[in-house]
N, C-alpha and C. Protein backbone atom coordinates (compact mmCIF):
# COMPACT_ATOMS: atom_id res chain seq x y z
N MET A 1 -0.38 -22.64 15.46
CA MET A 1 0.37 -22.35 14.25
C MET A 1 0.84 -20.89 14.29
N SER A 2 2.06 -20.66 13.94
CA SER A 2 2.60 -19.30 13.95
C SER A 2 2.89 -18.83 12.52
N ILE A 3 3.19 -17.56 12.42
CA ILE A 3 3.54 -17.00 11.12
C ILE A 3 4.91 -17.52 10.72
N THR A 4 4.98 -18.13 9.57
CA THR A 4 6.20 -18.77 9.09
C THR A 4 6.99 -17.81 8.20
N ALA A 5 8.16 -18.26 7.80
CA ALA A 5 8.95 -17.49 6.83
C ALA A 5 8.18 -17.34 5.52
N ALA A 6 7.46 -18.39 5.13
CA ALA A 6 6.64 -18.31 3.91
C ALA A 6 5.54 -17.26 4.06
N ASP A 7 4.93 -17.19 5.25
CA ASP A 7 3.91 -16.16 5.50
C ASP A 7 4.53 -14.77 5.38
N ARG A 8 5.69 -14.59 5.97
CA ARG A 8 6.37 -13.30 5.90
C ARG A 8 6.65 -12.91 4.45
N PHE A 9 7.09 -13.88 3.66
CA PHE A 9 7.33 -13.63 2.24
C PHE A 9 6.03 -13.20 1.56
N GLU A 10 4.92 -13.90 1.84
CA GLU A 10 3.65 -13.57 1.23
C GLU A 10 3.16 -12.18 1.64
N ILE A 11 3.45 -11.77 2.86
CA ILE A 11 3.07 -10.43 3.30
C ILE A 11 3.90 -9.38 2.56
N HIS A 12 5.19 -9.66 2.37
CA HIS A 12 6.02 -8.74 1.56
C HIS A 12 5.47 -8.68 0.12
N GLU A 13 5.06 -9.82 -0.42
CA GLU A 13 4.46 -9.86 -1.76
C GLU A 13 3.17 -9.05 -1.80
N LEU A 14 2.38 -9.09 -0.72
CA LEU A 14 1.15 -8.30 -0.65
C LEU A 14 1.48 -6.82 -0.78
N LEU A 15 2.49 -6.35 -0.07
CA LEU A 15 2.90 -4.94 -0.18
C LEU A 15 3.30 -4.61 -1.62
N ALA A 16 4.09 -5.47 -2.22
CA ALA A 16 4.54 -5.22 -3.61
C ALA A 16 3.36 -5.23 -4.57
N ARG A 17 2.45 -6.18 -4.41
CA ARG A 17 1.28 -6.28 -5.28
C ARG A 17 0.40 -5.03 -5.13
N TYR A 18 0.23 -4.56 -3.90
CA TYR A 18 -0.55 -3.35 -3.63
C TYR A 18 0.01 -2.18 -4.43
N TRP A 19 1.32 -1.94 -4.32
CA TRP A 19 1.91 -0.79 -5.02
C TRP A 19 1.90 -0.97 -6.53
N LYS A 20 2.04 -2.20 -7.00
CA LYS A 20 1.96 -2.47 -8.44
C LYS A 20 0.59 -2.08 -8.97
N THR A 21 -0.47 -2.43 -8.22
CA THR A 21 -1.82 -2.08 -8.67
C THR A 21 -2.02 -0.57 -8.66
N VAL A 22 -1.43 0.12 -7.69
CA VAL A 22 -1.53 1.58 -7.64
C VAL A 22 -0.84 2.18 -8.86
N ASP A 23 0.40 1.76 -9.12
CA ASP A 23 1.16 2.32 -10.23
C ASP A 23 0.53 2.03 -11.59
N GLU A 24 -0.13 0.89 -11.71
CA GLU A 24 -0.73 0.51 -12.98
C GLU A 24 -2.20 0.92 -13.10
N GLY A 25 -2.77 1.46 -12.01
CA GLY A 25 -4.19 1.83 -12.04
C GLY A 25 -5.11 0.63 -12.15
N ASP A 26 -4.70 -0.50 -11.60
CA ASP A 26 -5.48 -1.74 -11.62
C ASP A 26 -6.51 -1.70 -10.49
N LEU A 27 -7.69 -1.18 -10.79
CA LEU A 27 -8.70 -0.93 -9.76
C LEU A 27 -9.15 -2.21 -9.06
N GLN A 28 -9.46 -3.25 -9.82
CA GLN A 28 -9.93 -4.49 -9.22
C GLN A 28 -8.81 -5.19 -8.44
N GLY A 29 -7.61 -5.16 -9.00
CA GLY A 29 -6.46 -5.75 -8.30
C GLY A 29 -6.18 -5.03 -6.99
N PHE A 30 -6.32 -3.70 -7.01
CA PHE A 30 -6.14 -2.90 -5.80
C PHE A 30 -7.14 -3.34 -4.73
N GLY A 31 -8.42 -3.36 -5.09
CA GLY A 31 -9.45 -3.78 -4.13
C GLY A 31 -9.19 -5.19 -3.60
N ALA A 32 -8.66 -6.06 -4.46
CA ALA A 32 -8.43 -7.45 -4.08
C ALA A 32 -7.27 -7.64 -3.10
N THR A 33 -6.50 -6.59 -2.84
CA THR A 33 -5.44 -6.70 -1.83
C THR A 33 -6.00 -6.53 -0.42
N PHE A 34 -7.29 -6.19 -0.32
CA PHE A 34 -7.95 -5.98 0.97
C PHE A 34 -8.95 -7.10 1.25
N THR A 35 -9.27 -7.30 2.53
CA THR A 35 -10.39 -8.15 2.90
C THR A 35 -11.67 -7.48 2.41
N GLU A 36 -12.77 -8.21 2.38
CA GLU A 36 -14.05 -7.64 1.92
C GLU A 36 -14.39 -6.36 2.66
N ASP A 37 -14.10 -6.32 3.97
CA ASP A 37 -14.42 -5.13 4.78
C ASP A 37 -13.17 -4.33 5.12
N GLY A 38 -12.10 -4.52 4.33
CA GLY A 38 -10.84 -3.83 4.59
C GLY A 38 -10.97 -2.32 4.42
N SER A 39 -10.04 -1.61 5.06
CA SER A 39 -10.09 -0.15 4.99
C SER A 39 -8.71 0.45 4.76
N LEU A 40 -8.72 1.62 4.15
CA LEU A 40 -7.52 2.43 3.93
C LEU A 40 -7.77 3.79 4.55
N THR A 41 -6.85 4.21 5.43
CA THR A 41 -6.92 5.53 6.02
C THR A 41 -5.68 6.28 5.60
N ASN A 42 -5.89 7.45 4.97
CA ASN A 42 -4.77 8.28 4.53
C ASN A 42 -5.21 9.74 4.54
N TYR A 43 -4.51 10.58 3.82
CA TYR A 43 -4.78 12.01 3.82
C TYR A 43 -6.16 12.38 3.27
N THR A 44 -6.84 11.44 2.61
CA THR A 44 -8.18 11.72 2.09
C THR A 44 -9.28 11.28 3.05
N GLY A 45 -8.92 10.60 4.13
CA GLY A 45 -9.90 10.06 5.07
C GLY A 45 -9.82 8.55 5.10
N THR A 46 -10.92 7.91 5.47
CA THR A 46 -10.98 6.44 5.54
C THR A 46 -11.96 5.93 4.50
N THR A 47 -11.52 4.93 3.74
CA THR A 47 -12.35 4.27 2.73
C THR A 47 -12.44 2.80 3.10
N THR A 48 -13.66 2.25 3.07
CA THR A 48 -13.87 0.87 3.52
C THR A 48 -14.62 0.07 2.46
N GLY A 49 -14.18 -1.18 2.25
CA GLY A 49 -14.83 -2.09 1.32
C GLY A 49 -14.15 -2.08 -0.04
N ARG A 50 -14.08 -3.25 -0.66
CA ARG A 50 -13.36 -3.39 -1.92
C ARG A 50 -13.86 -2.48 -3.03
N GLU A 51 -15.16 -2.40 -3.20
CA GLU A 51 -15.72 -1.56 -4.26
C GLU A 51 -15.37 -0.08 -4.04
N ALA A 52 -15.53 0.37 -2.80
CA ALA A 52 -15.21 1.77 -2.48
C ALA A 52 -13.72 2.03 -2.63
N LEU A 53 -12.90 1.04 -2.29
CA LEU A 53 -11.45 1.19 -2.43
C LEU A 53 -11.05 1.29 -3.90
N ALA A 54 -11.66 0.48 -4.75
CA ALA A 54 -11.39 0.57 -6.19
C ALA A 54 -11.80 1.94 -6.72
N GLN A 55 -12.93 2.45 -6.26
CA GLN A 55 -13.37 3.79 -6.68
C GLN A 55 -12.40 4.86 -6.18
N TRP A 56 -11.90 4.68 -4.95
CA TRP A 56 -10.92 5.63 -4.41
C TRP A 56 -9.70 5.69 -5.32
N LEU A 57 -9.19 4.53 -5.73
CA LEU A 57 -8.02 4.52 -6.61
C LEU A 57 -8.35 5.18 -7.94
N ASP A 58 -9.53 4.94 -8.47
CA ASP A 58 -9.92 5.57 -9.73
C ASP A 58 -9.95 7.09 -9.58
N ASP A 59 -10.47 7.58 -8.46
CA ASP A 59 -10.51 9.02 -8.21
C ASP A 59 -9.12 9.59 -8.01
N TYR A 60 -8.25 8.84 -7.34
CA TYR A 60 -6.90 9.27 -7.00
C TYR A 60 -5.96 9.18 -8.21
N GLY A 61 -6.28 8.32 -9.15
CA GLY A 61 -5.43 7.97 -10.27
C GLY A 61 -4.70 9.05 -11.01
N PRO A 62 -5.34 10.15 -11.41
CA PRO A 62 -4.64 11.13 -12.23
C PRO A 62 -3.37 11.70 -11.60
N SER A 63 -3.27 11.70 -10.28
CA SER A 63 -2.09 12.29 -9.65
C SER A 63 -0.91 11.32 -9.62
N ARG A 64 -1.12 10.06 -10.01
CA ARG A 64 -0.03 9.10 -9.87
C ARG A 64 0.70 8.79 -11.18
N VAL A 65 0.32 9.41 -12.28
CA VAL A 65 0.95 9.13 -13.56
C VAL A 65 2.45 9.38 -13.46
N GLY A 66 3.24 8.38 -13.80
CA GLY A 66 4.69 8.52 -13.76
C GLY A 66 5.31 8.20 -12.42
N ASN A 67 4.51 7.98 -11.39
CA ASN A 67 5.05 7.65 -10.07
C ASN A 67 5.32 6.16 -9.94
N ARG A 68 6.31 5.84 -9.12
CA ARG A 68 6.61 4.46 -8.77
C ARG A 68 6.71 4.39 -7.25
N HIS A 69 5.83 3.58 -6.65
CA HIS A 69 5.75 3.45 -5.20
C HIS A 69 6.56 2.24 -4.74
N MET A 70 7.19 2.37 -3.59
CA MET A 70 7.97 1.28 -3.01
C MET A 70 7.74 1.21 -1.51
N SER A 71 7.73 -0.01 -0.99
CA SER A 71 7.72 -0.23 0.46
C SER A 71 9.14 -0.60 0.87
N THR A 72 9.52 -0.15 2.06
CA THR A 72 10.85 -0.44 2.54
C THR A 72 10.83 -0.53 4.07
N ASN A 73 11.88 -1.12 4.64
CA ASN A 73 12.04 -1.24 6.09
C ASN A 73 10.83 -1.88 6.74
N THR A 74 10.32 -2.92 6.14
CA THR A 74 9.11 -3.60 6.60
C THR A 74 9.39 -4.44 7.84
N ILE A 75 8.53 -4.27 8.85
CA ILE A 75 8.59 -5.07 10.08
C ILE A 75 7.24 -5.74 10.26
N ILE A 76 7.25 -7.05 10.39
CA ILE A 76 6.03 -7.83 10.56
C ILE A 76 6.03 -8.41 11.97
N THR A 77 4.93 -8.16 12.70
CA THR A 77 4.79 -8.66 14.06
C THR A 77 3.55 -9.53 14.14
N GLU A 78 3.74 -10.76 14.57
CA GLU A 78 2.62 -11.68 14.67
C GLU A 78 1.68 -11.27 15.80
N VAL A 79 0.40 -11.30 15.51
CA VAL A 79 -0.62 -11.14 16.54
C VAL A 79 -1.13 -12.52 16.91
N ASP A 80 -1.50 -13.30 15.92
CA ASP A 80 -1.81 -14.71 16.06
C ASP A 80 -1.53 -15.36 14.71
N SER A 81 -1.87 -16.63 14.55
CA SER A 81 -1.47 -17.33 13.33
C SER A 81 -2.13 -16.78 12.06
N ASP A 82 -3.24 -16.06 12.20
CA ASP A 82 -3.93 -15.54 11.03
C ASP A 82 -4.02 -14.02 10.99
N THR A 83 -3.28 -13.34 11.87
CA THR A 83 -3.30 -11.89 11.92
C THR A 83 -1.91 -11.38 12.25
N ALA A 84 -1.52 -10.29 11.62
CA ALA A 84 -0.22 -9.68 11.91
C ALA A 84 -0.33 -8.18 11.74
N THR A 85 0.60 -7.47 12.36
CA THR A 85 0.73 -6.04 12.12
C THR A 85 1.96 -5.85 11.23
N VAL A 86 1.88 -4.86 10.38
CA VAL A 86 2.97 -4.58 9.44
C VAL A 86 3.27 -3.09 9.51
N TRP A 87 4.52 -2.77 9.73
CA TRP A 87 4.99 -1.39 9.75
C TRP A 87 5.96 -1.25 8.59
N SER A 88 5.81 -0.17 7.81
CA SER A 88 6.72 0.03 6.68
C SER A 88 6.77 1.50 6.29
N TYR A 89 7.82 1.83 5.57
CA TYR A 89 7.91 3.13 4.92
C TYR A 89 7.42 2.98 3.50
N MET A 90 6.89 4.07 2.94
CA MET A 90 6.53 4.16 1.54
C MET A 90 7.34 5.30 0.96
N VAL A 91 7.95 5.05 -0.18
CA VAL A 91 8.71 6.07 -0.90
C VAL A 91 8.14 6.14 -2.31
N VAL A 92 7.89 7.36 -2.80
CA VAL A 92 7.39 7.54 -4.15
C VAL A 92 8.47 8.22 -4.98
N ILE A 93 8.88 7.56 -6.05
CA ILE A 93 9.81 8.13 -7.01
C ILE A 93 8.97 8.68 -8.16
N ALA A 94 9.17 9.94 -8.48
CA ALA A 94 8.42 10.57 -9.57
C ALA A 94 9.32 10.71 -10.79
N ALA A 95 8.79 10.32 -11.92
CA ALA A 95 9.46 10.49 -13.21
C ALA A 95 8.37 10.81 -14.21
N PHE A 96 8.07 12.07 -14.35
CA PHE A 96 6.92 12.49 -15.13
C PHE A 96 7.16 12.37 -16.62
N GLU A 97 6.07 12.19 -17.37
CA GLU A 97 6.09 12.14 -18.82
C GLU A 97 5.74 13.51 -19.38
N PRO A 98 6.33 14.01 -20.42
CA PRO A 98 7.57 13.46 -20.95
C PRO A 98 8.70 13.62 -19.94
N ARG A 99 9.68 12.82 -20.04
CA ARG A 99 10.74 12.76 -19.02
C ARG A 99 11.64 14.00 -19.09
N THR A 100 11.05 15.10 -18.70
CA THR A 100 11.81 16.36 -18.68
C THR A 100 12.38 16.64 -17.31
N GLN A 101 11.96 15.88 -16.31
CA GLN A 101 12.50 16.05 -14.96
C GLN A 101 13.33 14.84 -14.60
N THR A 102 14.33 15.06 -13.79
CA THR A 102 15.11 13.97 -13.24
C THR A 102 14.25 13.23 -12.22
N PRO A 103 14.22 11.90 -12.28
CA PRO A 103 13.47 11.17 -11.25
C PRO A 103 13.93 11.60 -9.86
N HIS A 104 12.98 11.73 -8.95
CA HIS A 104 13.30 12.20 -7.60
C HIS A 104 12.28 11.64 -6.60
N VAL A 105 12.63 11.71 -5.33
CA VAL A 105 11.71 11.30 -4.29
C VAL A 105 10.63 12.38 -4.19
N ALA A 106 9.41 12.01 -4.53
CA ALA A 106 8.30 12.96 -4.53
C ALA A 106 7.61 13.02 -3.18
N SER A 107 7.54 11.89 -2.49
CA SER A 107 6.91 11.86 -1.18
C SER A 107 7.34 10.60 -0.44
N TYR A 108 7.06 10.62 0.85
CA TYR A 108 7.30 9.43 1.67
C TYR A 108 6.38 9.48 2.87
N SER A 109 6.16 8.31 3.45
CA SER A 109 5.30 8.22 4.63
C SER A 109 5.55 6.89 5.33
N ARG A 110 4.80 6.70 6.40
CA ARG A 110 4.81 5.43 7.13
C ARG A 110 3.44 4.80 7.00
N PHE A 111 3.41 3.48 7.05
CA PHE A 111 2.16 2.73 7.11
C PHE A 111 2.18 1.84 8.34
N ASN A 112 1.06 1.81 9.03
CA ASN A 112 0.83 0.89 10.14
C ASN A 112 -0.39 0.06 9.74
N ASP A 113 -0.16 -1.19 9.41
CA ASP A 113 -1.21 -2.03 8.83
C ASP A 113 -1.54 -3.21 9.71
N ARG A 114 -2.75 -3.72 9.50
CA ARG A 114 -3.15 -4.99 10.07
C ARG A 114 -3.52 -5.87 8.89
N VAL A 115 -2.91 -7.05 8.82
CA VAL A 115 -3.20 -7.99 7.74
C VAL A 115 -3.82 -9.24 8.33
N ALA A 116 -4.61 -9.92 7.50
CA ALA A 116 -5.29 -11.14 7.95
C ALA A 116 -5.17 -12.20 6.87
N ARG A 117 -5.07 -13.44 7.32
CA ARG A 117 -5.07 -14.57 6.38
C ARG A 117 -6.53 -14.95 6.15
N VAL A 118 -6.97 -14.84 4.88
CA VAL A 118 -8.34 -15.16 4.51
C VAL A 118 -8.29 -16.14 3.34
N GLY A 119 -8.85 -17.30 3.53
CA GLY A 119 -8.83 -18.29 2.45
C GLY A 119 -7.42 -18.66 2.02
N GLY A 120 -6.47 -18.66 2.98
CA GLY A 120 -5.10 -19.02 2.69
C GLY A 120 -4.25 -17.89 2.12
N ARG A 121 -4.83 -16.68 1.95
CA ARG A 121 -4.08 -15.54 1.39
C ARG A 121 -4.02 -14.42 2.42
N TRP A 122 -2.90 -13.72 2.46
CA TRP A 122 -2.75 -12.56 3.32
C TRP A 122 -3.30 -11.34 2.61
N LEU A 123 -4.17 -10.59 3.31
CA LEU A 123 -4.81 -9.39 2.77
C LEU A 123 -4.79 -8.28 3.81
N PHE A 124 -4.92 -7.05 3.34
CA PHE A 124 -5.01 -5.92 4.27
C PHE A 124 -6.39 -5.88 4.91
N LYS A 125 -6.41 -5.83 6.22
CA LYS A 125 -7.63 -5.60 6.98
C LYS A 125 -7.75 -4.09 7.25
N GLU A 126 -6.64 -3.48 7.63
CA GLU A 126 -6.56 -2.04 7.83
C GLU A 126 -5.21 -1.54 7.33
N ARG A 127 -5.24 -0.53 6.51
CA ARG A 127 -4.02 0.10 6.00
C ARG A 127 -4.08 1.56 6.47
N VAL A 128 -3.14 1.98 7.29
CA VAL A 128 -3.18 3.32 7.88
C VAL A 128 -1.89 4.06 7.56
N MET A 129 -2.02 5.15 6.81
CA MET A 129 -0.88 6.00 6.46
C MET A 129 -0.75 7.09 7.51
N ASP A 130 0.49 7.34 7.94
CA ASP A 130 0.72 8.51 8.78
C ASP A 130 2.04 9.15 8.39
N ASP A 131 2.24 10.35 8.83
CA ASP A 131 3.48 11.08 8.60
C ASP A 131 3.80 11.27 7.12
N LEU A 132 2.80 11.67 6.33
CA LEU A 132 3.01 11.88 4.90
C LEU A 132 3.76 13.18 4.65
N VAL A 133 4.79 13.10 3.82
CA VAL A 133 5.51 14.29 3.36
C VAL A 133 5.39 14.32 1.84
N LEU A 134 4.73 15.36 1.33
CA LEU A 134 4.59 15.55 -0.11
C LEU A 134 5.65 16.51 -0.61
N ASN A 135 5.93 16.45 -1.89
CA ASN A 135 6.93 17.33 -2.51
C ASN A 135 8.24 17.25 -1.74
N ALA A 136 8.67 16.04 -1.49
CA ALA A 136 9.86 15.80 -0.68
C ALA A 136 11.11 16.48 -1.24
N ILE A 137 11.12 16.75 -2.53
CA ILE A 137 12.29 17.38 -3.14
C ILE A 137 12.51 18.80 -2.59
N ASP A 138 11.44 19.40 -2.05
CA ASP A 138 11.55 20.75 -1.50
C ASP A 138 12.17 20.79 -0.11
N TYR A 139 12.35 19.62 0.53
CA TYR A 139 12.86 19.60 1.90
C TYR A 139 14.37 19.53 1.94
């Protein structure tokens, strides 16, 4: 069995659901986008496990108020029928409250991910951020 168009759609939905949970501060929903032993590696280090990931988002939360995260230029490569690699860009649009600033690109980066089908759902096994640029408006 290979990764189908429906699988690819579900993986794109996983990316969207991940960023929605970040923007809304949905701690449990955030953790649920990962496998039980899933990990996130970014500028803060590596965090592993759903509970620790939810705590990471709770700790990270205050800096994201007013931000909207987006994935773009997503490339999905099949490893086998239940595993794939996902490469994408992340763009953060900042629109702070009160809306005294014009919305702008606040940061961007790349993600190199490994996703796995678990119980019929695609989840992040490893999410790895690289090439982060903060305060992109200054560039």
